[in-house]
Structure formats: structure tokens, C-alpha cells
Amino acid sequence: MSSESVTVTASTSPLPHLPPRPSVALRAVESFLMRGGQQTARRNAWAAVVEDRQRARDRREAQYAMDAMQSGLRGTALPD
């Protein structure tokens, strides 16, 4: 048998090595630290926060529209 030495070198890729984005890194850490149920619970909680923010935004817009209609109606009232 002959002994051969093997040299391992990094492959040359046409794309430069880019560091992972923070969101990708955080997701990987989250997946590692929190398995199954905890990860699902956190994702569901975040979805609920997003929905609450959307409902609050919708309420503000509706209130703004109602206030605008009421102020417009006051200006067009018939004199007594």
C-alpha cells in the first residue's frame, strides 16, 4: 500500500462568501434553542401581535373617516 497525502482546500466559488443576514442567524438560533412547541408558540404569538397592530391601524383609519364625515356634515347643515 502506498500512503498518499490528501490536501483539503476551499472550493473556489464564483460568488463571494457573504455573512448570513441577522434574521437568518436569529432564526437558526431560535430553531436550535427552542424545539417544536415553543417555536410554534412564539410564531403564533408574533402573528397575533401583527394582527392586533393591523386592527388598531384599521380602527384609527375608521375613526379618522368618521370624524371627517361628521365635520363635513356640520358644515352643510341647513340653517334654522
PDB file of N, CA and C in Angstrom:
ATOM      1  N   MET A   1       0.829  -1.176   0.000  1.00  0.00           N
ATOM      2  CA  MET A   1       0.000   0.000   0.000  1.00  0.00           C
ATOM      3  C   MET A   1       0.870   1.234   0.000  1.00  0.00           C
ATOM      4  N   SER A   2       0.418   2.215  -0.717  1.00  0.00           N
ATOM      5  CA  SER A   2       1.159   3.470  -0.724  1.00  0.00           C
ATOM      6  C   SER A   2       0.394   4.481   0.105  1.00  0.00           C
ATOM      7  N   SER A   3       1.152   5.303   0.790  1.00  0.00           N
ATOM      8  CA  SER A   3       0.478   6.336   1.585  1.00  0.00           C
ATOM      9  C   SER A   3       0.443   7.618   0.777  1.00  0.00           C
ATOM     10  N   GLU A   4      -0.760   8.138   0.630  1.00  0.00           N
ATOM     11  CA  GLU A   4      -0.941   9.377  -0.127  1.00  0.00           C
ATOM     12  C   GLU A   4      -1.446  10.447   0.820  1.00  0.00           C
ATOM     13  N   SER A   5      -0.928  11.617   0.648  1.00  0.00           N
ATOM     14  CA  SER A   5      -1.436  12.715   1.472  1.00  0.00           C
ATOM     15  C   SER A   5      -2.570  13.403   0.729  1.00  0.00           C
ATOM     16  N   VAL A   6      -3.559  13.783   1.473  1.00  0.00           N
ATOM     17  CA  VAL A   6      -4.726  14.448   0.897  1.00  0.00           C
ATOM     18  C   VAL A   6      -4.758  15.872   1.420  1.00  0.00           C
ATOM     19  N   THR A   7      -4.816  16.794   0.519  1.00  0.00           N
ATOM     20  CA  THR A   7      -4.892  18.197   0.896  1.00  0.00           C
ATOM     21  C   THR A   7      -6.301  18.692   0.624  1.00  0.00           C
ATOM     22  N   VAL A   8      -6.915  19.269   1.646  1.00  0.00           N
ATOM     23  CA  VAL A   8      -8.265  19.804   1.508  1.00  0.00           C
ATOM     24  C   VAL A   8      -8.155  21.307   1.356  1.00  0.00           C
ATOM     25  N   THR A   9      -8.729  21.813   0.288  1.00  0.00           N
ATOM     26  CA  THR A   9      -8.734  23.254   0.060  1.00  0.00           C
ATOM     27  C   THR A   9     -10.169  23.712  -0.115  1.00  0.00           C
ATOM     28  N   ALA A  10     -10.387  24.963   0.162  1.00  0.00           N
ATOM     29  CA  ALA A  10     -11.721  25.534  -0.014  1.00  0.00           C
ATOM     30  C   ALA A  10     -12.026  25.603  -1.501  1.00  0.00           C
ATOM     31  N   SER A  11     -13.243  25.276  -1.846  1.00  0.00           N
ATOM     32  CA  SER A  11     -13.610  25.345  -3.252  1.00  0.00           C
ATOM     33  C   SER A  11     -13.739  26.797  -3.670  1.00  0.00           C
ATOM     34  N   THR A  12     -13.355  27.051  -4.875  1.00  0.00           N
ATOM     35  CA  THR A  12     -13.467  28.413  -5.383  1.00  0.00           C
ATOM     36  C   THR A  12     -14.838  28.575  -5.983  1.00  0.00           C
ATOM     37  N   SER A  13     -15.600  29.452  -5.417  1.00  0.00           N
ATOM     38  CA  SER A  13     -16.961  29.684  -5.854  1.00  0.00           C
ATOM     39  C   SER A  13     -17.003  30.990  -6.629  1.00  0.00           C
ATOM     40  N   PRO A  14     -17.838  31.082  -7.662  1.00  0.00           N
ATOM     41  CA  PRO A  14     -17.936  32.350  -8.389  1.00  0.00           C
ATOM     42  C   PRO A  14     -18.537  33.463  -7.528  1.00  0.00           C
ATOM     43  N   LEU A  15     -19.264  33.091  -6.468  1.00  0.00           N
ATOM     44  CA  LEU A  15     -19.859  34.095  -5.588  1.00  0.00           C
ATOM     45  C   LEU A  15     -18.977  34.296  -4.367  1.00  0.00           C
ATOM     46  N   PRO A  16     -18.796  35.528  -3.950  1.00  0.00           N
ATOM     47  CA  PRO A  16     -18.008  35.750  -2.739  1.00  0.00           C
ATOM     48  C   PRO A  16     -18.774  35.252  -1.520  1.00  0.00           C
ATOM     49  N   HIS A  17     -18.041  34.887  -0.488  1.00  0.00           N
ATOM     50  CA  HIS A  17     -18.683  34.434   0.746  1.00  0.00           C
ATOM     51  C   HIS A  17     -19.324  35.625   1.442  1.00  0.00           C
ATOM     52  N   LEU A  18     -20.611  35.543   1.663  1.00  0.00           N
ATOM     53  CA  LEU A  18     -21.333  36.621   2.334  1.00  0.00           C
ATOM     54  C   LEU A  18     -21.722  36.155   3.728  1.00  0.00           C
ATOM     55  N   PRO A  19     -21.597  37.006   4.716  1.00  0.00           N
ATOM     56  CA  PRO A  19     -22.023  36.617   6.059  1.00  0.00           C
ATOM     57  C   PRO A  19     -23.546  36.480   6.089  1.00  0.00           C
ATOM     58  N   PRO A  20     -24.059  35.608   6.932  1.00  0.00           N
ATOM     59  CA  PRO A  20     -25.518  35.426   6.985  1.00  0.00           C
ATOM     60  C   PRO A  20     -26.203  36.695   7.498  1.00  0.00           C
ATOM     61  N   ARG A  21     -27.391  36.911   6.991  1.00  0.00           N
ATOM     62  CA  ARG A  21     -28.172  38.055   7.466  1.00  0.00           C
ATOM     63  C   ARG A  21     -28.557  37.814   8.917  1.00  0.00           C
ATOM     64  N   PRO A  22     -28.727  38.889   9.698  1.00  0.00           N
ATOM     65  CA  PRO A  22     -29.101  38.715  11.111  1.00  0.00           C
ATOM     66  C   PRO A  22     -30.388  37.931  11.292  1.00  0.00           C
ATOM     67  N   SER A  23     -31.360  38.150  10.417  1.00  0.00           N
ATOM     68  CA  SER A  23     -32.628  37.431  10.574  1.00  0.00           C
ATOM     69  C   SER A  23     -32.435  35.930  10.381  1.00  0.00           C
ATOM     70  N   VAL A  24     -31.571  35.554   9.448  1.00  0.00           N
ATOM     71  CA  VAL A  24     -31.307  34.133   9.203  1.00  0.00           C
ATOM     72  C   VAL A  24     -30.585  33.535  10.403  1.00  0.00           C
ATOM     73  N   ALA A  25     -29.621  34.275  10.928  1.00  0.00           N
ATOM     74  CA  ALA A  25     -28.871  33.781  12.079  1.00  0.00           C
ATOM     75  C   ALA A  25     -29.781  33.644  13.299  1.00  0.00           C
ATOM     76  N   LEU A  26     -30.643  34.621  13.519  1.00  0.00           N
ATOM     77  CA  LEU A  26     -31.563  34.548  14.656  1.00  0.00           C
ATOM     78  C   LEU A  26     -32.529  33.382  14.517  1.00  0.00           C
ATOM     79  N   ARG A  27     -33.000  33.148  13.305  1.00  0.00           N
ATOM     80  CA  ARG A  27     -33.915  32.031  13.066  1.00  0.00           C
ATOM     81  C   ARG A  27     -33.210  30.702  13.351  1.00  0.00           C
ATOM     82  N   ALA A  28     -31.940  30.607  12.971  1.00  0.00           N
ATOM     83  CA  ALA A  28     -31.187  29.375  13.227  1.00  0.00           C
ATOM     84  C   ALA A  28     -30.999  29.156  14.724  1.00  0.00           C
ATOM     85  N   VAL A  29     -30.668  30.211  15.446  1.00  0.00           N
ATOM     86  CA  VAL A  29     -30.505  30.098  16.895  1.00  0.00           C
ATOM     87  C   VAL A  29     -31.830  29.731  17.544  1.00  0.00           C
ATOM     88  N   GLU A  30     -32.907  30.365  17.077  1.00  0.00           N
ATOM     89  CA  GLU A  30     -34.237  30.063  17.610  1.00  0.00           C
ATOM     90  C   GLU A  30     -34.577  28.591  17.379  1.00  0.00           C
ATOM     91  N   SER A  31     -34.297  28.093  16.194  1.00  0.00           N
ATOM     92  CA  SER A  31     -34.593  26.695  15.890  1.00  0.00           C
ATOM     93  C   SER A  31     -33.786  25.748  16.769  1.00  0.00           C
ATOM     94  N   PHE A  32     -32.541  26.116  17.024  1.00  0.00           N
ATOM     95  CA  PHE A  32     -31.682  25.261  17.839  1.00  0.00           C
ATOM     96  C   PHE A  32     -32.119  25.263  19.298  1.00  0.00           C
ATOM     97  N   LEU A  33     -32.407  26.452  19.827  1.00  0.00           N
ATOM     98  CA  LEU A  33     -32.723  26.574  21.251  1.00  0.00           C
ATOM     99  C   LEU A  33     -34.141  26.141  21.585  1.00  0.00           C
ATOM    100  N   MET A  34     -35.054  26.446  20.721  1.00  0.00           N
ATOM    101  CA  MET A  34     -36.458  26.149  21.014  1.00  0.00           C
ATOM    102  C   MET A  34     -36.982  25.114  20.033  1.00  0.00           C
ATOM    103  N   ARG A  35     -37.266  23.998  20.509  1.00  0.00           N
ATOM    104  CA  ARG A  35     -37.761  22.918  19.667  1.00  0.00           C
ATOM    105  C   ARG A  35     -39.284  22.927  19.637  1.00  0.00           C
ATOM    106  N   GLY A  36     -39.845  22.457  18.545  1.00  0.00           N
ATOM    107  CA  GLY A  36     -41.259  22.195  18.376  1.00  0.00           C
ATOM    108  C   GLY A  36     -42.238  23.187  18.951  1.00  0.00           C
ATOM    109  N   GLY A  37     -42.801  22.857  20.100  1.00  0.00           N
ATOM    110  CA  GLY A  37     -43.909  23.615  20.671  1.00  0.00           C
ATOM    111  C   GLY A  37     -43.561  25.047  21.016  1.00  0.00           C
ATOM    112  N   GLN A  38     -42.405  25.263  21.592  1.00  0.00           N
ATOM    113  CA  GLN A  38     -42.032  26.632  21.962  1.00  0.00           C
ATOM    114  C   GLN A  38     -41.877  27.500  20.720  1.00  0.00           C
ATOM    115  N   GLN A  39     -41.275  26.941  19.713  1.00  0.00           N
ATOM    116  CA  GLN A  39     -41.075  27.703  18.479  1.00  0.00           C
ATOM    117  C   GLN A  39     -42.425  28.048  17.847  1.00  0.00           C
ATOM    118  N   THR A  40     -43.340  27.095  17.821  1.00  0.00           N
ATOM    119  CA  THR A  40     -44.670  27.331  17.268  1.00  0.00           C
ATOM    120  C   THR A  40     -45.418  28.367  18.093  1.00  0.00           C
ATOM    121  N   ALA A  41     -45.308  28.286  19.411  1.00  0.00           N
ATOM    122  CA  ALA A  41     -45.988  29.245  20.283  1.00  0.00           C
ATOM    123  C   ALA A  41     -45.463  30.653  20.043  1.00  0.00           C
ATOM    124  N   ARG A  42     -44.172  30.795  19.888  1.00  0.00           N
ATOM    125  CA  ARG A  42     -43.605  32.130  19.649  1.00  0.00           C
ATOM    126  C   ARG A  42     -44.040  32.667  18.298  1.00  0.00           C
ATOM    127  N   ARG A  43     -44.066  31.809  17.288  1.00  0.00           N
ATOM    128  CA  ARG A  43     -44.501  32.250  15.958  1.00  0.00           C
ATOM    129  C   ARG A  43     -45.969  32.659  15.993  1.00  0.00           C
ATOM    130  N   ASN A  44     -46.804  31.895  16.706  1.00  0.00           N
ATOM    131  CA  ASN A  44     -48.223  32.242  16.830  1.00  0.00           C
ATOM    132  C   ASN A  44     -48.407  33.548  17.587  1.00  0.00           C
ATOM    133  N   ALA A  45     -47.611  33.753  18.629  1.00  0.00           N
ATOM    134  CA  ALA A  45     -47.704  34.995  19.397  1.00  0.00           C
ATOM    135  C   ALA A  45     -47.337  36.185  18.521  1.00  0.00           C
ATOM    136  N   TRP A  46     -46.305  36.039  17.709  1.00  0.00           N
ATOM    137  CA  TRP A  46     -45.907  37.149  16.835  1.00  0.00           C
ATOM    138  C   TRP A  46     -47.000  37.424  15.799  1.00  0.00           C
ATOM    139  N   ALA A  47     -47.626  36.386  15.271  1.00  0.00           N
ATOM    140  CA  ALA A  47     -48.719  36.572  14.313  1.00  0.00           C
ATOM    141  C   ALA A  47     -49.872  37.327  14.973  1.00  0.00           C
ATOM    142  N   ALA A  48     -50.154  37.032  16.246  1.00  0.00           N
ATOM    143  CA  ALA A  48     -51.210  37.743  16.967  1.00  0.00           C
ATOM    144  C   ALA A  48     -50.853  39.211  17.154  1.00  0.00           C
ATOM    145  N   VAL A  49     -49.596  39.506  17.423  1.00  0.00           N
ATOM    146  CA  VAL A  49     -49.153  40.903  17.566  1.00  0.00           C
ATOM    147  C   VAL A  49     -49.352  41.649  16.253  1.00  0.00           C
ATOM    148  N   VAL A  50     -48.980  41.027  15.154  1.00  0.00           N
ATOM    149  CA  VAL A  50     -49.133  41.655  13.843  1.00  0.00           C
ATOM    150  C   VAL A  50     -50.606  41.921  13.552  1.00  0.00           C
ATOM    151  N   GLU A  51     -51.477  40.956  13.861  1.00  0.00           N
ATOM    152  CA  GLU A  51     -52.916  41.141  13.640  1.00  0.00           C
ATOM    153  C   GLU A  51     -53.474  42.257  14.513  1.00  0.00           C
ATOM    154  N   ASP A  52     -53.052  42.330  15.770  1.00  0.00           N
ATOM    155  CA  ASP A  52     -53.508  43.401  16.664  1.00  0.00           C
ATOM    156  C   ASP A  52     -53.100  44.769  16.129  1.00  0.00           C
ATOM    157  N   ARG A  53     -51.883  44.865  15.632  1.00  0.00           N
ATOM    158  CA  ARG A  53     -51.427  46.143  15.066  1.00  0.00           C
ATOM    159  C   ARG A  53     -52.264  46.529  13.858  1.00  0.00           C
ATOM    160  N   GLN A  54     -52.608  45.542  13.019  1.00  0.00           N
ATOM    161  CA  GLN A  54     -53.429  45.827  11.849  1.00  0.00           C
ATOM    162  C   GLN A  54     -54.827  46.280  12.257  1.00  0.00           C
ATOM    163  N   ARG A  55     -55.411  45.625  13.265  1.00  0.00           N
ATOM    164  CA  ARG A  55     -56.734  46.045  13.742  1.00  0.00           C
ATOM    165  C   ARG A  55     -56.689  47.458  14.321  1.00  0.00           C
ATOM    166  N   ALA A  56     -55.644  47.785  15.058  1.00  0.00           N
ATOM    167  CA  ALA A  56     -55.511  49.130  15.617  1.00  0.00           C
ATOM    168  C   ALA A  56     -55.384  50.158  14.502  1.00  0.00           C
ATOM    169  N   ARG A  57     -54.621  49.835  13.468  1.00  0.00           N
ATOM    170  CA  ARG A  57     -54.471  50.742  12.326  1.00  0.00           C
ATOM    171  C   ARG A  57     -55.819  50.944  11.636  1.00  0.00           C
ATOM    172  N   ASP A  58     -56.573  49.859  11.461  1.00  0.00           N
ATOM    173  CA  ASP A  58     -57.890  49.950  10.835  1.00  0.00           C
ATOM    174  C   ASP A  58     -58.843  50.799  11.679  1.00  0.00           C
ATOM    175  N   ARG A  59     -58.793  50.627  13.020  1.00  0.00           N
ATOM    176  CA  ARG A  59     -59.649  51.438  13.902  1.00  0.00           C
ATOM    177  C   ARG A  59     -59.311  52.920  13.787  1.00  0.00           C
ATOM    178  N   ARG A  60     -58.016  53.241  13.754  1.00  0.00           N
ATOM    179  CA  ARG A  60     -57.621  54.650  13.619  1.00  0.00           C
ATOM    180  C   ARG A  60     -58.119  55.232  12.308  1.00  0.00           C
ATOM    181  N   GLU A  61     -57.976  54.474  11.213  1.00  0.00           N
ATOM    182  CA  GLU A  61     -58.432  54.960   9.916  1.00  0.00           C
ATOM    183  C   GLU A  61     -59.947  55.148   9.903  1.00  0.00           C
ATOM    184  N   ALA A  62     -60.683  54.217  10.503  1.00  0.00           N
ATOM    185  CA  ALA A  62     -62.142  54.332  10.548  1.00  0.00           C
ATOM    186  C   ALA A  62     -62.553  55.537  11.391  1.00  0.00           C
ATOM    187  N   GLN A  63     -61.875  55.752  12.518  1.00  0.00           N
ATOM    188  CA  GLN A  63     -62.192  56.903  13.360  1.00  0.00           C
ATOM    189  C   GLN A  63     -61.913  58.205  12.619  1.00  0.00           C
ATOM    190  N   TYR A  64     -60.808  58.248  11.886  1.00  0.00           N
ATOM    191  CA  TYR A  64     -60.468  59.435  11.105  1.00  0.00           C
ATOM    192  C   TYR A  64     -61.549  59.713  10.062  1.00  0.00           C
ATOM    193  N   ALA A  65     -62.012  58.649   9.375  1.00  0.00           N
ATOM    194  CA  ALA A  65     -63.052  58.814   8.353  1.00  0.00           C
ATOM    195  C   ALA A  65     -64.362  59.280   8.986  1.00  0.00           C
ATOM    196  N   MET A  66     -64.725  58.719  10.146  1.00  0.00           N
ATOM    197  CA  MET A  66     -65.954  59.137  10.822  1.00  0.00           C
ATOM    198  C   MET A  66     -65.864  60.601  11.263  1.00  0.00           C
ATOM    199  N   ASP A  67     -64.727  60.992  11.819  1.00  0.00           N
ATOM    200  CA  ASP A  67     -64.546  62.386  12.235  1.00  0.00           C
ATOM    201  C   ASP A  67     -64.631  63.326  11.041  1.00  0.00           C
ATOM    202  N   ALA A  68     -64.052  62.927   9.911  1.00  0.00           N
ATOM    203  CA  ALA A  68     -64.089  63.759   8.711  1.00  0.00           C
ATOM    204  C   ALA A  68     -65.519  63.892   8.198  1.00  0.00           C
ATOM    205  N   MET A  69     -66.285  62.800   8.236  1.00  0.00           N
ATOM    206  CA  MET A  69     -67.680  62.859   7.790  1.00  0.00           C
ATOM    207  C   MET A  69     -68.504  63.752   8.709  1.00  0.00           C
ATOM    208  N   GLN A  70     -68.305  63.632  10.015  1.00  0.00           N
ATOM    209  CA  GLN A  70     -69.076  64.433  10.961  1.00  0.00           C
ATOM    210  C   GLN A  70     -68.755  65.911  10.807  1.00  0.00           C
ATOM    211  N   SER A  71     -67.497  66.256  10.631  1.00  0.00           N
ATOM    212  CA  SER A  71     -67.146  67.662  10.474  1.00  0.00           C
ATOM    213  C   SER A  71     -67.687  68.188   9.138  1.00  0.00           C
ATOM    214  N   GLY A  72     -67.734  67.354   8.126  1.00  0.00           N
ATOM    215  CA  GLY A  72     -68.292  67.763   6.835  1.00  0.00           C
ATOM    216  C   GLY A  72     -69.792  67.945   6.909  1.00  0.00           C
ATOM    217  N   LEU A  73     -70.483  67.107   7.668  1.00  0.00           N
ATOM    218  CA  LEU A  73     -71.938  67.220   7.817  1.00  0.00           C
ATOM    219  C   LEU A  73     -72.304  68.466   8.615  1.00  0.00           C
ATOM    220  N   ARG A  74     -71.501  68.841   9.577  1.00  0.00           N
ATOM    221  CA  ARG A  74     -71.805  70.038  10.364  1.00  0.00           C
ATOM    222  C   ARG A  74     -71.772  71.283   9.487  1.00  0.00           C
ATOM    223  N   GLY A  75     -70.859  71.293   8.545  1.00  0.00           N
ATOM    224  CA  GLY A  75     -70.732  72.459   7.675  1.00  0.00           C
ATOM    225  C   GLY A  75     -71.846  72.569   6.663  1.00  0.00           C
ATOM    226  N   THR A  76     -72.571  71.495   6.361  1.00  0.00           N
ATOM    227  CA  THR A  76     -73.607  71.526   5.354  1.00  0.00           C
ATOM    228  C   THR A  76     -75.015  71.514   5.947  1.00  0.00           C
ATOM    229  N   ALA A  77     -75.123  71.687   7.242  1.00  0.00           N
ATOM    230  CA  ALA A  77     -76.442  71.675   7.879  1.00  0.00           C
ATOM    231  C   ALA A  77     -77.256  72.882   7.424  1.00  0.00           C
ATOM    232  N   LEU A  78     -78.566  72.683   7.278  1.00  0.00           N
ATOM    233  CA  LEU A  78     -79.450  73.767   6.879  1.00  0.00           C
ATOM    234  C   LEU A  78     -79.649  74.726   8.053  1.00  0.00           C
ATOM    235  N   PRO A  79     -79.678  75.996   7.777  1.00  0.00           N
ATOM    236  CA  PRO A  79     -79.905  76.965   8.881  1.00  0.00           C
ATOM    237  C   PRO A  79     -81.343  76.855   9.388  1.00  0.00           C
ATOM    238  N   ASP A  80     -81.530  77.132  10.673  1.00  0.00           N
ATOM    239  CA  ASP A  80     -82.863  77.083  11.270  1.00  0.00           C
ATOM    240  C   ASP A  80     -83.663  78.310  10.937  1.00  0.00           C
TER     241      ASP A  80
END
